[in-house]
Amino acid sequence: MTEGEAGTARQSWLKTARTAALGFILGAALVAAPVVWAENGPAPATARPATAIPTAALLQHESFAPLVKKVLPAVVNISVTQAQKTGAVSEQPNVVPFQNFPNTPFNQFLRRFFGQNGQGGTPPFFHQFPGGPVKRIALGSGFFISPKGYVVTNNHVIADAANVVVILQDHKKYKAKIVGRDPKTDLAVLKINAHHPLPYVAWGNSNAAEVGDVVMAVGNPFGLGGTVTSGIISARGRDINDGPFDSFLQIDAPINRGNSGGPTFNMEGQVIGINTAIYSPNGGSVGIGFAIPSNEAKTIVAELIKNGKIERGWLGVQIQQVTPAIAASLGLEHHWGALVALVQPHSPASRAGLKQGDVILSFNGTPVKELRDLPRLVAAAAPHSKASVAVWRDGKKLQLSAMLGQMKNNEQVAAYQGEGATPAAGASALGMHFSPLTKELRSELHVPKNVHGVVISRVDRGSVADNSGLNRGDVVIAINQEPVHTPKEAAQKLEQAVKSPKKSALLLLDRNGVTEYVGLTLAKKVG
């Protein structure tokens, strides 16, 4: 082969490889965004989503540019001014107080985009006037979902706002009204009056989004505005312990502080997620971001626009995960469902006959496969409606009917109503050393007055109790659904459990005021 022929072959191969790589990245469904925007004056009142850009057009450009041009006018920057008391300088202006996420690897690292503590120097966007209040200015993102000026963003972006300004891509500024907020899902809706139709984007189907799909994020990181990044969906259904309804899309498109409330687009230019949180050891992007799925957000947003608030069903139970050990102690063949750790007095659950120790298997006919399924199902049901609840109790399945109440934003779980404790001598079993719950211990351990049982005063290292996560200071309220009043009684019940065919025991505990079940597999002798 001559040198010229070799050069021609090399160019042909490079062209083929580049085309194949581009096809892999962009996929076969690259079309434009359903966006309407106003150019050179007001758009017509009958504005509708724009025609999709053919896939071939994007392939020809070898770029996201055509897609960006269509969606970018609908993405806005949000500036929030918050007034504080004089001298309140402990927080950075674009900071929402950091929330810990216990019992997860995200602890101390997962922050909202406005959640990085300042490290030295004067925080940006921070103003203090002599003798006056301190002002905090937070910057976030949002997007239009209607030509009428409705903007979707995160609730934490506009939390405690004294003044909210929406800034368009053409740098025009509009004062915004807060239409509605939902702290439980971290969603909020704003409204501006521009007196002409505005560019907007349409919701996509987040349920159809798959791991590996290409996505594009647009927002206002660090106040820069109009920033576009791309990546893929890394995972679905992420629970980061941020709220009762967590089920985030995880994306690796670079997003940072200020992207909060901005959209994640699929390659059809539809919004499939709302960027809300990142996992980061330093406050910057490390390729792990979380977005609220559009299929969850759009129903909340529609109700906020209609009613200004969200009304959710309420059952009135405290639940926990069914572990294999707990399932064995209850005679369950599987370890899914929601274990009722507490039934709030005078609640819909109490009136329906739900009891502590029941395992809720389904709600309104939908199986409760994971613990987080139940709060979602109950919340989605209408307040004051009837609901069917299937439970597992005493080795058999029961069907109950509950008239749901209405969840309040400050709903709290009531304390367990137990039996009285009787002082007695200490006893031990399975590496647990029990003591009576005396007045002095109750005060030392901060045990609520209406909690009764026996205290674990010591746990032997390497014992069954130690391996099961039991700790000094845990108050054992009941064993195998039977109340315990004395240390001797607790030890006897565990001895009976060891001799039983199940070789397991279910302990009901109070830990720092929280009622919790723990299952024990009893492979060792009592003593």
Protein backbone atom coordinates (compact mmCIF):
# COMPACT_ATOMS: atom_id res chain seq x y z
CA MET A 1 0.00 0.00 0.00
CA THR A 2 1.34 3.40 -0.98
CA GLU A 3 1.69 6.25 1.52
CA GLY A 4 -1.25 8.05 -0.12
CA GLU A 5 -3.45 4.96 0.08
CA ALA A 6 -2.52 4.51 3.72
CA GLY A 7 -3.44 8.11 4.50
CA THR A 8 -6.80 7.73 2.76
CA ALA A 9 -7.54 4.52 4.66
CA ARG A 10 -6.57 6.16 7.96
CA GLN A 11 -8.93 9.12 7.32
CA SER A 12 -11.74 6.72 6.38
CA TRP A 13 -11.24 4.75 9.59
CA LEU A 14 -11.18 7.89 11.74
CA LYS A 15 -14.39 9.14 10.14
CA THR A 16 -16.09 5.79 10.71
CA ALA A 17 -14.90 5.63 14.34
CA ARG A 18 -16.00 9.20 15.09
CA THR A 19 -19.46 8.54 13.63
CA ALA A 20 -19.82 5.33 15.64
CA ALA A 21 -18.71 7.03 18.85
CA LEU A 22 -21.10 9.92 18.33
CA GLY A 23 -23.95 7.52 17.69
CA PHE A 24 -23.15 5.71 20.94
CA ILE A 25 -23.10 8.91 22.97
CA LEU A 26 -26.10 10.65 21.52
CA GLY A 27 -28.21 7.60 20.70
CA ALA A 28 -30.81 7.30 18.01
CA ALA A 29 -33.45 9.48 19.61
CA LEU A 30 -31.91 12.93 19.77
CA VAL A 31 -34.68 15.41 19.11
CA ALA A 32 -35.23 18.97 20.20
CA ALA A 33 -36.98 20.38 23.21
CA PRO A 34 -40.68 21.18 23.30
CA VAL A 35 -40.03 24.85 24.04
CA VAL A 36 -41.79 28.07 23.16
CA TRP A 37 -39.85 31.29 23.46
CA ALA A 38 -40.34 34.96 22.62
CA GLU A 39 -37.96 36.40 20.06
CA ASN A 40 -37.84 40.09 19.16
CA GLY A 41 -40.99 40.86 21.08
CA PRO A 42 -43.98 39.10 22.64
CA ALA A 43 -44.84 35.62 21.38
CA PRO A 44 -48.38 34.88 20.18
CA ALA A 45 -50.92 33.93 22.81
CA THR A 46 -51.36 30.53 21.16
CA ALA A 47 -47.71 29.59 21.72
CA ARG A 48 -47.04 25.86 21.61
CA PRO A 49 -44.02 23.55 21.97
CA ALA A 50 -41.56 23.87 19.12
CA THR A 51 -41.11 21.20 16.46
CA ALA A 52 -38.54 18.56 17.30
CA ILE A 53 -35.13 18.75 15.68
CA PRO A 54 -34.43 15.63 13.58
CA THR A 55 -31.80 13.26 14.87
CA ALA A 56 -29.79 13.72 11.69
CA ALA A 57 -29.48 17.45 12.40
CA LEU A 58 -27.82 16.83 15.75
CA LEU A 59 -25.56 14.19 14.28
CA GLN A 60 -24.54 16.61 11.59
CA HIS A 61 -23.64 19.25 14.18
CA GLU A 62 -21.91 16.64 16.37
CA SER A 63 -23.06 18.82 19.27
CA PHE A 64 -25.69 19.44 21.90
CA ALA A 65 -25.96 23.00 20.64
CA PRO A 66 -29.30 22.67 18.79
CA LEU A 67 -30.85 21.10 21.88
CA VAL A 68 -29.38 23.76 24.16
CA LYS A 69 -30.70 26.57 21.99
CA LYS A 70 -34.21 25.22 22.36
CA VAL A 71 -34.25 24.60 26.12
CA LEU A 72 -31.98 27.31 27.48
CA PRO A 73 -34.50 30.21 27.18
CA ALA A 74 -36.82 28.35 29.57
CA VAL A 75 -34.20 27.97 32.33
CA VAL A 76 -33.95 30.85 34.78
CA ASN A 77 -31.73 32.07 37.59
CA ILE A 78 -33.30 32.75 40.96
CA SER A 79 -32.03 35.35 43.43
CA VAL A 80 -33.43 35.24 46.94
CA THR A 81 -32.93 37.92 49.57
CA GLN A 82 -33.43 36.87 53.16
CA ALA A 83 -33.49 39.35 56.05
CA GLN A 84 -32.02 38.24 59.37
CA LYS A 85 -31.56 39.76 62.75
CA THR A 86 -28.63 42.07 63.40
CA GLY A 87 -25.41 40.19 64.03
CA ALA A 88 -26.66 36.88 62.63
CA VAL A 89 -23.54 36.21 60.62
CA SER A 90 -23.02 32.52 61.28
CA GLU A 91 -24.29 31.32 57.91
CA GLN A 92 -22.93 31.88 54.45
CA PRO A 93 -25.43 33.74 52.24
CA ASN A 94 -26.01 30.96 49.77
CA VAL A 95 -26.13 28.28 52.41
CA VAL A 96 -28.99 26.18 53.66
CA PRO A 97 -28.08 24.64 57.04
CA PHE A 98 -26.37 21.30 56.47
CA GLN A 99 -28.43 18.26 57.33
CA ASN A 100 -26.83 15.00 58.51
CA PHE A 101 -27.99 11.76 57.04
CA PRO A 102 -27.44 9.16 59.77
CA ASN A 103 -26.60 5.50 59.11
CA THR A 104 -25.57 6.11 55.49
CA PRO A 105 -22.22 6.61 53.79
CA PHE A 106 -23.43 10.09 52.86
CA ASN A 107 -23.13 11.25 56.48
CA GLN A 108 -21.23 14.55 56.79
CA PHE A 109 -20.78 14.77 53.01
CA LEU A 110 -24.20 14.98 51.38
CA ARG A 111 -25.21 18.60 51.11
CA ARG A 112 -27.73 20.54 49.24
CA PHE A 113 -26.13 22.76 46.65
CA PHE A 114 -26.42 25.68 49.07
CA GLY A 115 -25.05 23.55 51.88
CA GLN A 116 -21.29 23.99 51.95
CA ASN A 117 -19.97 25.78 54.98
CA GLY A 118 -17.67 28.66 54.21
CA GLN A 119 -13.97 28.05 54.77
CA GLY A 120 -12.14 31.28 55.35
CA GLY A 121 -12.47 34.69 53.75
CA THR A 122 -15.55 36.85 53.38
CA PRO A 123 -18.50 34.92 51.95
CA PRO A 124 -19.70 36.18 48.55
CA PHE A 125 -23.05 37.92 48.19
CA PHE A 126 -22.91 38.87 51.87
CA HIS A 127 -23.93 42.32 53.05
CA GLN A 128 -24.21 43.81 56.51
CA PHE A 129 -25.32 47.38 57.06
CA PRO A 130 -24.28 49.20 60.24
CA GLY A 131 -27.05 49.19 62.79
CA GLY A 132 -29.37 47.25 60.49
CA PRO A 133 -30.35 43.67 59.70
CA VAL A 134 -28.06 41.19 57.99
CA LYS A 135 -29.05 40.26 54.42
CA ARG A 136 -28.40 36.90 52.84
CA ILE A 137 -28.64 36.53 49.10
CA ALA A 138 -29.05 32.98 47.82
CA LEU A 139 -28.73 32.00 44.18
CA GLY A 140 -30.48 29.05 42.63
CA SER A 141 -32.06 27.77 39.43
CA GLY A 142 -35.51 27.06 38.04
CA PHE A 143 -37.44 26.59 34.80
CA PHE A 144 -40.71 27.64 33.19
CA ILE A 145 -43.36 24.94 32.74
CA SER A 146 -45.98 27.26 31.26
CA PRO A 147 -46.09 30.32 28.99
CA LYS A 148 -48.01 31.98 31.84
CA GLY A 149 -44.83 32.34 33.90
CA TYR A 150 -44.97 29.43 36.36
CA VAL A 151 -41.46 28.51 37.56
CA VAL A 152 -40.46 25.26 39.27
CA THR A 153 -37.56 25.22 41.73
CA ASN A 154 -36.50 23.65 45.04
CA ASN A 155 -38.16 24.70 48.28
CA HIS A 156 -34.79 25.14 49.98
CA VAL A 157 -33.82 27.72 47.35
CA ILE A 158 -36.61 30.08 48.41
CA ALA A 159 -36.85 29.10 52.08
CA ASP A 160 -37.50 32.09 54.38
CA ALA A 161 -37.40 34.42 51.39
CA ALA A 162 -38.14 38.10 51.90
CA ASN A 163 -37.81 38.82 48.19
CA VAL A 164 -37.51 36.53 45.15
CA VAL A 165 -36.31 37.68 41.73
CA VAL A 166 -36.37 35.55 38.57
CA ILE A 167 -33.69 36.40 36.00
CA LEU A 168 -34.21 35.30 32.40
CA GLN A 169 -31.50 34.38 29.91
CA ASP A 170 -31.83 37.83 28.31
CA HIS A 171 -31.00 39.28 31.76
CA LYS A 172 -34.50 40.68 32.31
CA LYS A 173 -35.52 40.55 35.96
CA TYR A 174 -39.00 39.94 37.39
CA LYS A 175 -40.17 39.94 40.96
CA ALA A 176 -41.70 36.55 41.69
CA LYS A 177 -44.60 35.47 43.84
CA ILE A 178 -44.37 32.18 45.76
CA VAL A 179 -47.38 30.16 44.60
CA GLY A 180 -46.80 27.16 46.83
CA ARG A 181 -44.17 25.15 48.68
CA ASP A 182 -43.79 21.54 49.77
CA PRO A 183 -40.89 21.00 52.20
CA LYS A 184 -41.40 17.23 52.30
CA THR A 185 -40.47 16.86 48.62
CA ASP A 186 -38.37 20.05 48.49
CA LEU A 187 -40.43 21.53 45.65
CA ALA A 188 -41.74 25.05 45.14
CA VAL A 189 -43.60 26.97 42.43
CA LEU A 190 -43.10 30.65 41.63
CA LYS A 191 -45.06 32.96 39.33
CA ILE A 192 -43.96 36.03 37.38
CA ASN A 193 -46.05 38.43 35.28
CA ALA A 194 -44.25 39.26 32.04
CA HIS A 195 -47.40 40.32 30.13
CA HIS A 196 -46.50 38.04 27.21
CA PRO A 197 -46.09 34.29 26.72
CA LEU A 198 -42.79 32.95 28.03
CA PRO A 199 -40.54 30.10 26.85
CA TYR A 200 -41.26 26.83 28.64
CA VAL A 201 -40.30 23.17 28.67
CA ALA A 202 -42.45 20.06 28.99
CA TRP A 203 -42.30 17.25 31.52
CA GLY A 204 -40.82 13.95 30.39
CA ASN A 205 -41.48 10.43 31.65
CA SER A 206 -38.88 9.71 34.32
CA ASN A 207 -40.18 6.15 34.65
CA ALA A 208 -38.96 5.52 31.11
CA ALA A 209 -35.48 6.86 31.89
CA GLU A 210 -32.95 4.05 32.19
CA VAL A 211 -29.55 3.76 33.78
CA GLY A 212 -27.06 4.72 31.09
CA ASP A 213 -29.33 7.20 29.30
CA VAL A 214 -27.64 10.45 28.29
CA VAL A 215 -28.91 13.54 30.14
CA MET A 216 -28.17 17.26 30.14
CA ALA A 217 -28.31 19.57 33.17
CA VAL A 218 -28.80 23.32 32.94
CA GLY A 219 -28.53 25.78 35.82
CA ASN A 220 -26.86 28.62 37.65
CA PRO A 221 -23.79 27.12 39.41
CA PHE A 222 -21.98 29.59 41.69
CA GLY A 223 -24.10 32.36 40.18
CA LEU A 224 -22.57 31.97 36.72
CA GLY A 225 -25.92 31.39 35.01
CA GLY A 226 -26.84 29.50 31.85
CA THR A 227 -24.38 26.65 32.42
CA VAL A 228 -24.89 23.38 30.52
CA THR A 229 -23.34 20.01 31.45
CA SER A 230 -23.98 16.48 30.23
CA GLY A 231 -23.65 12.95 31.55
CA ILE A 232 -25.69 9.82 32.10
CA ILE A 233 -28.18 8.44 34.59
CA SER A 234 -26.01 6.51 37.05
CA ALA A 235 -28.76 4.95 39.18
CA ARG A 236 -32.46 5.13 40.00
CA GLY A 237 -34.46 5.10 43.21
CA ARG A 238 -31.74 6.49 45.47
CA ASP A 239 -32.77 7.04 49.10
CA ILE A 240 -30.44 9.58 50.72
CA ASN A 241 -32.47 9.89 53.96
CA ASP A 242 -33.32 13.48 53.11
CA GLY A 243 -37.09 13.10 53.37
CA PRO A 244 -39.91 10.59 53.73
CA PHE A 245 -40.40 10.23 49.97
CA ASP A 246 -36.83 9.94 48.69
CA SER A 247 -36.43 8.18 45.35
CA PHE A 248 -33.87 10.23 43.43
CA LEU A 249 -32.34 9.81 40.01
CA GLN A 250 -28.56 9.76 40.37
CA ILE A 251 -26.72 11.53 37.55
CA ASP A 252 -23.06 12.17 36.81
CA ALA A 253 -23.54 15.40 34.83
CA PRO A 254 -21.40 17.96 36.75
CA ILE A 255 -23.63 20.09 38.97
CA ASN A 256 -22.65 22.40 41.82
CA ARG A 257 -24.04 24.90 44.31
CA GLY A 258 -26.54 27.09 42.52
CA ASN A 259 -27.83 24.26 40.31
CA SER A 260 -30.55 23.60 42.90
CA GLY A 261 -33.95 23.67 41.25
CA GLY A 262 -32.55 23.44 37.72
CA PRO A 263 -33.75 20.85 35.21
CA THR A 264 -32.22 17.61 34.01
CA PHE A 265 -33.23 16.98 30.38
CA ASN A 266 -33.45 13.82 28.36
CA MET A 267 -32.30 13.96 24.75
CA GLU A 268 -35.81 14.90 23.64
CA GLY A 269 -35.48 18.10 25.61
CA GLN A 270 -38.02 17.04 28.23
CA VAL A 271 -37.51 17.57 31.96
CA ILE A 272 -37.03 14.21 33.66
CA GLY A 273 -35.54 15.50 36.91
CA ILE A 274 -35.03 18.51 39.18
CA ASN A 275 -31.48 18.82 40.52
CA THR A 276 -31.61 18.90 44.29
CA ALA A 277 -28.54 17.50 46.08
CA ILE A 278 -24.97 16.32 45.56
CA TYR A 279 -22.59 13.96 47.30
CA SER A 280 -19.38 15.87 47.84
CA PRO A 281 -16.50 15.93 50.33
CA ASN A 282 -15.59 19.49 49.36
CA GLY A 283 -18.79 21.17 48.17
CA GLY A 284 -17.86 20.81 44.48
CA SER A 285 -19.03 18.29 41.92
CA VAL A 286 -17.52 14.81 42.08
CA GLY A 287 -19.99 13.32 39.61
CA ILE A 288 -22.67 12.22 42.06
CA GLY A 289 -25.82 14.32 41.88
CA PHE A 290 -29.44 13.65 42.75
CA ALA A 291 -32.55 14.81 40.92
CA ILE A 292 -36.23 14.53 41.87
CA PRO A 293 -37.89 12.38 39.17
CA SER A 294 -40.33 14.30 36.96
CA ASN A 295 -43.15 11.79 37.45
CA GLU A 296 -43.14 12.59 41.15
CA ALA A 297 -42.54 16.31 40.76
CA LYS A 298 -45.23 17.09 38.18
CA THR A 299 -48.12 15.88 40.35
CA ILE A 300 -46.84 17.93 43.30
CA VAL A 301 -46.32 20.98 41.09
CA ALA A 302 -49.83 20.70 39.61
CA GLU A 303 -51.37 20.59 43.07
CA LEU A 304 -49.27 23.52 44.28
CA ILE A 305 -50.48 25.58 41.33
CA LYS A 306 -54.07 24.58 41.99
CA ASN A 307 -54.20 24.75 45.80
CA GLY A 308 -50.95 26.35 46.96
CA LYS A 309 -50.30 23.43 49.28
CA ILE A 310 -50.17 19.63 49.36
CA GLU A 311 -52.71 17.52 51.20
CA ARG A 312 -51.57 14.00 52.05
CA GLY A 313 -53.12 11.03 53.72
CA TRP A 314 -52.03 10.11 57.23
CA LEU A 315 -52.16 6.74 58.96
CA GLY A 316 -50.35 7.41 62.27
CA VAL A 317 -47.76 4.65 62.61
CA GLN A 318 -44.03 4.51 63.17
CA ILE A 319 -42.48 1.79 61.04
CA GLN A 320 -39.16 0.02 60.58
CA GLN A 321 -37.51 -2.49 58.27
CA VAL A 322 -38.28 -6.20 58.54
CA THR A 323 -34.90 -7.92 58.89
CA PRO A 324 -34.42 -11.67 58.34
CA ALA A 325 -34.12 -12.14 62.11
CA ILE A 326 -37.36 -10.23 62.72
CA ALA A 327 -39.11 -12.15 59.95
CA ALA A 328 -38.03 -15.45 61.51
CA SER A 329 -39.31 -14.43 64.93
CA LEU A 330 -42.70 -13.50 63.43
CA GLY A 331 -43.02 -16.61 61.27
CA LEU A 332 -42.79 -14.69 58.00
CA GLU A 333 -41.37 -16.55 55.00
CA HIS A 334 -40.08 -13.29 53.49
CA HIS A 335 -38.45 -10.20 55.00
CA TRP A 336 -40.32 -7.42 53.24
CA GLY A 337 -43.14 -5.22 54.47
CA ALA A 338 -43.26 -2.50 57.13
CA LEU A 339 -43.06 -3.45 60.80
CA VAL A 340 -45.23 -1.27 63.03
CA ALA A 341 -43.02 -0.11 65.88
CA LEU A 342 -45.59 2.30 67.29
CA VAL A 343 -49.25 3.18 66.78
CA GLN A 344 -50.09 6.76 67.61
CA PRO A 345 -53.05 7.05 70.01
CA HIS A 346 -56.31 8.31 68.52
CA SER A 347 -54.84 8.00 65.02
CA PRO A 348 -56.49 6.41 61.94
CA ALA A 349 -54.24 3.37 62.50
CA SER A 350 -55.40 3.05 66.10
CA ARG A 351 -59.06 3.31 65.13
CA ALA A 352 -58.54 0.73 62.37
CA GLY A 353 -57.17 -1.80 64.88
CA LEU A 354 -53.52 -1.77 63.85
CA LYS A 355 -51.24 -2.96 66.63
CA GLN A 356 -47.60 -2.66 67.55
CA GLY A 357 -45.78 -5.62 66.00
CA ASP A 358 -48.05 -5.89 62.96
CA VAL A 359 -46.29 -6.14 59.62
CA ILE A 360 -48.06 -4.12 56.93
CA LEU A 361 -47.90 -6.22 53.76
CA SER A 362 -49.94 -4.06 51.40
CA PHE A 363 -51.82 -0.77 51.26
CA ASN A 364 -54.86 -0.38 49.03
CA GLY A 365 -53.83 -3.56 47.24
CA THR A 366 -50.26 -2.43 46.49
CA PRO A 367 -47.56 -4.61 48.09
CA VAL A 368 -45.14 -2.90 50.49
CA LYS A 369 -41.89 -4.35 49.14
CA GLU A 370 -39.63 -1.74 50.72
CA LEU A 371 -39.99 0.28 53.89
CA ARG A 372 -40.26 3.58 51.98
CA ASP A 373 -43.16 2.25 49.90
CA LEU A 374 -45.67 2.69 52.71
CA PRO A 375 -45.15 6.45 53.36
CA ARG A 376 -45.46 7.07 49.62
CA LEU A 377 -48.64 5.04 49.29
CA VAL A 378 -50.29 6.63 52.32
CA ALA A 379 -49.27 10.15 51.31
CA ALA A 380 -50.64 9.65 47.80
CA ALA A 381 -54.05 8.64 49.15
CA ALA A 382 -56.65 11.35 49.68
CA PRO A 383 -57.25 12.51 53.27
CA HIS A 384 -60.53 11.27 54.77
CA SER A 385 -60.68 8.35 52.32
CA LYS A 386 -60.96 4.65 53.17
CA ALA A 387 -57.91 2.46 52.74
CA SER A 388 -57.48 -1.30 52.93
CA VAL A 389 -54.45 -2.47 54.91
CA ALA A 390 -53.23 -6.08 54.85
CA VAL A 391 -51.18 -7.02 57.92
CA TRP A 392 -49.37 -10.05 59.32
CA ARG A 393 -50.27 -10.76 62.94
CA ASP A 394 -49.83 -13.85 65.12
CA GLY A 395 -48.80 -16.01 62.19
CA LYS A 396 -51.65 -15.12 59.84
CA LYS A 397 -52.74 -12.45 57.38
CA LEU A 398 -55.52 -10.01 58.33
CA GLN A 399 -57.37 -7.39 56.30
CA LEU A 400 -58.13 -4.07 58.02
CA SER A 401 -59.88 -0.90 56.87
CA ALA A 402 -58.70 2.58 57.87
CA MET A 403 -60.25 6.01 57.41
CA LEU A 404 -57.20 8.15 56.67
CA GLY A 405 -56.53 11.49 58.31
CA GLN A 406 -54.65 14.47 56.89
CA MET A 407 -50.91 14.75 57.38
CA LYS A 408 -49.63 17.93 58.98
CA ASN A 409 -46.21 19.37 58.19
CA ASN A 410 -45.23 19.15 61.86
CA GLU A 411 -46.72 15.69 62.43
CA GLN A 412 -44.91 13.97 65.30
CA VAL A 413 -44.95 10.43 66.54
CA ALA A 414 -46.38 9.92 70.03
CA ALA A 415 -44.45 8.02 72.69
CA TYR A 416 -45.15 4.37 73.49
CA GLN A 417 -47.72 3.73 76.20
CA GLY A 418 -46.19 0.91 78.24
CA GLU A 419 -46.75 -0.99 81.45
CA GLY A 420 -45.36 -0.04 84.84
CA ALA A 421 -41.92 -1.17 85.91
CA THR A 422 -41.28 -3.05 89.11
CA PRO A 423 -37.88 -2.83 90.81
CA ALA A 424 -36.07 -6.14 91.05
CA ALA A 425 -32.62 -7.63 91.20
CA GLY A 426 -30.44 -7.72 88.06
CA ALA A 427 -30.27 -10.65 85.62
CA SER A 428 -28.48 -11.52 82.40
CA ALA A 429 -29.07 -13.40 79.14
CA LEU A 430 -27.36 -13.67 75.74
CA GLY A 431 -24.68 -11.21 76.79
CA MET A 432 -27.19 -8.64 78.06
CA HIS A 433 -27.12 -7.55 81.68
CA PHE A 434 -30.48 -6.16 82.78
CA SER A 435 -31.22 -3.64 85.51
CA PRO A 436 -34.52 -2.24 86.77
CA LEU A 437 -35.59 1.06 85.24
CA THR A 438 -35.23 3.08 88.42
CA LYS A 439 -36.01 6.76 88.77
CA GLU A 440 -32.29 7.52 88.74
CA LEU A 441 -31.64 5.52 85.54
CA ARG A 442 -34.68 7.05 83.86
CA SER A 443 -33.25 10.50 84.57
CA GLU A 444 -29.70 9.55 83.54
CA LEU A 445 -30.80 7.94 80.27
CA HIS A 446 -33.55 10.51 79.54
CA VAL A 447 -36.19 7.80 79.24
CA PRO A 448 -39.73 9.23 78.79
CA LYS A 449 -42.06 8.78 81.75
CA ASN A 450 -44.52 6.68 79.77
CA VAL A 451 -41.89 4.12 78.72
CA HIS A 452 -41.58 1.09 80.99
CA GLY A 453 -39.38 -2.00 80.90
CA VAL A 454 -35.87 -2.99 81.91
CA VAL A 455 -32.54 -1.36 81.09
CA ILE A 456 -29.58 -3.05 79.40
CA SER A 457 -26.83 -2.00 81.79
CA ARG A 458 -24.01 -3.82 79.98
CA VAL A 459 -23.43 -5.82 76.77
CA ASP A 460 -20.69 -8.46 76.64
CA ARG A 461 -18.36 -8.05 73.68
CA GLY A 462 -18.83 -10.74 71.03
CA SER A 463 -22.12 -11.93 72.47
CA VAL A 464 -25.40 -12.44 70.59
CA ALA A 465 -26.59 -9.11 71.94
CA ASP A 466 -23.41 -7.34 70.83
CA ASN A 467 -23.57 -8.88 67.35
CA SER A 468 -27.20 -7.77 67.05
CA GLY A 469 -26.39 -4.13 67.78
CA LEU A 470 -27.83 -3.89 71.28
CA ASN A 471 -26.25 -1.25 73.50
CA ARG A 472 -25.99 -0.12 77.08
CA GLY A 473 -28.90 2.19 77.84
CA ASP A 474 -31.40 0.46 75.56
CA VAL A 475 -34.69 -0.07 77.36
CA VAL A 476 -36.31 -3.42 76.62
CA ILE A 477 -40.06 -2.84 76.60
CA ALA A 478 -41.24 -6.23 75.35
CA ILE A 479 -39.92 -9.60 74.20
CA ASN A 480 -41.88 -11.53 71.58
CA GLN A 481 -44.73 -9.02 71.91
CA GLU A 482 -45.06 -9.55 75.67
CA PRO A 483 -44.23 -6.67 78.08
CA VAL A 484 -41.33 -7.16 80.50
CA HIS A 485 -41.36 -5.60 83.95
CA THR A 486 -38.29 -7.02 85.71
CA PRO A 487 -34.78 -8.14 84.73
CA LYS A 488 -35.58 -11.70 85.80
CA GLU A 489 -38.68 -11.73 83.61
CA ALA A 490 -36.64 -10.54 80.62
CA ALA A 491 -34.04 -13.28 81.11
CA GLN A 492 -36.77 -15.94 81.48
CA LYS A 493 -38.48 -14.89 78.27
CA LEU A 494 -35.19 -15.12 76.37
CA GLU A 495 -34.56 -18.56 77.88
CA GLN A 496 -37.97 -19.68 76.63
CA ALA A 497 -37.17 -18.28 73.19
CA VAL A 498 -33.90 -20.26 73.06
CA LYS A 499 -35.81 -23.48 73.78
CA SER A 500 -38.49 -22.71 71.20
CA PRO A 501 -38.35 -24.21 67.67
CA LYS A 502 -37.88 -20.75 66.12
CA LYS A 503 -34.64 -20.10 68.01
CA SER A 504 -35.32 -16.36 67.65
CA ALA A 505 -36.67 -13.47 69.68
CA LEU A 506 -38.19 -10.08 68.86
CA LEU A 507 -37.23 -7.27 71.24
CA LEU A 508 -39.10 -3.98 71.42
CA LEU A 509 -36.75 -1.23 72.56
CA ASP A 510 -36.76 2.42 73.45
CA ARG A 511 -33.64 4.18 72.20
CA ASN A 512 -33.41 7.84 73.07
CA GLY A 513 -37.16 8.19 72.87
CA VAL A 514 -37.52 6.23 69.60
CA THR A 515 -39.37 2.91 69.63
CA GLU A 516 -37.61 0.20 67.61
CA TYR A 517 -37.73 -3.57 67.09
CA VAL A 518 -34.60 -5.76 67.03
CA GLY A 519 -34.62 -9.42 66.01
CA LEU A 520 -32.26 -11.90 67.68
CA THR A 521 -31.14 -15.23 66.28
CA LEU A 522 -30.52 -17.30 69.38
CA ALA A 523 -27.64 -19.60 68.55
CA LYS A 524 -26.04 -19.44 72.00
CA LYS A 525 -27.11 -20.65 75.40
CA VAL A 526 -28.57 -18.28 77.93
CA GLY A 527 -26.24 -17.41 80.76
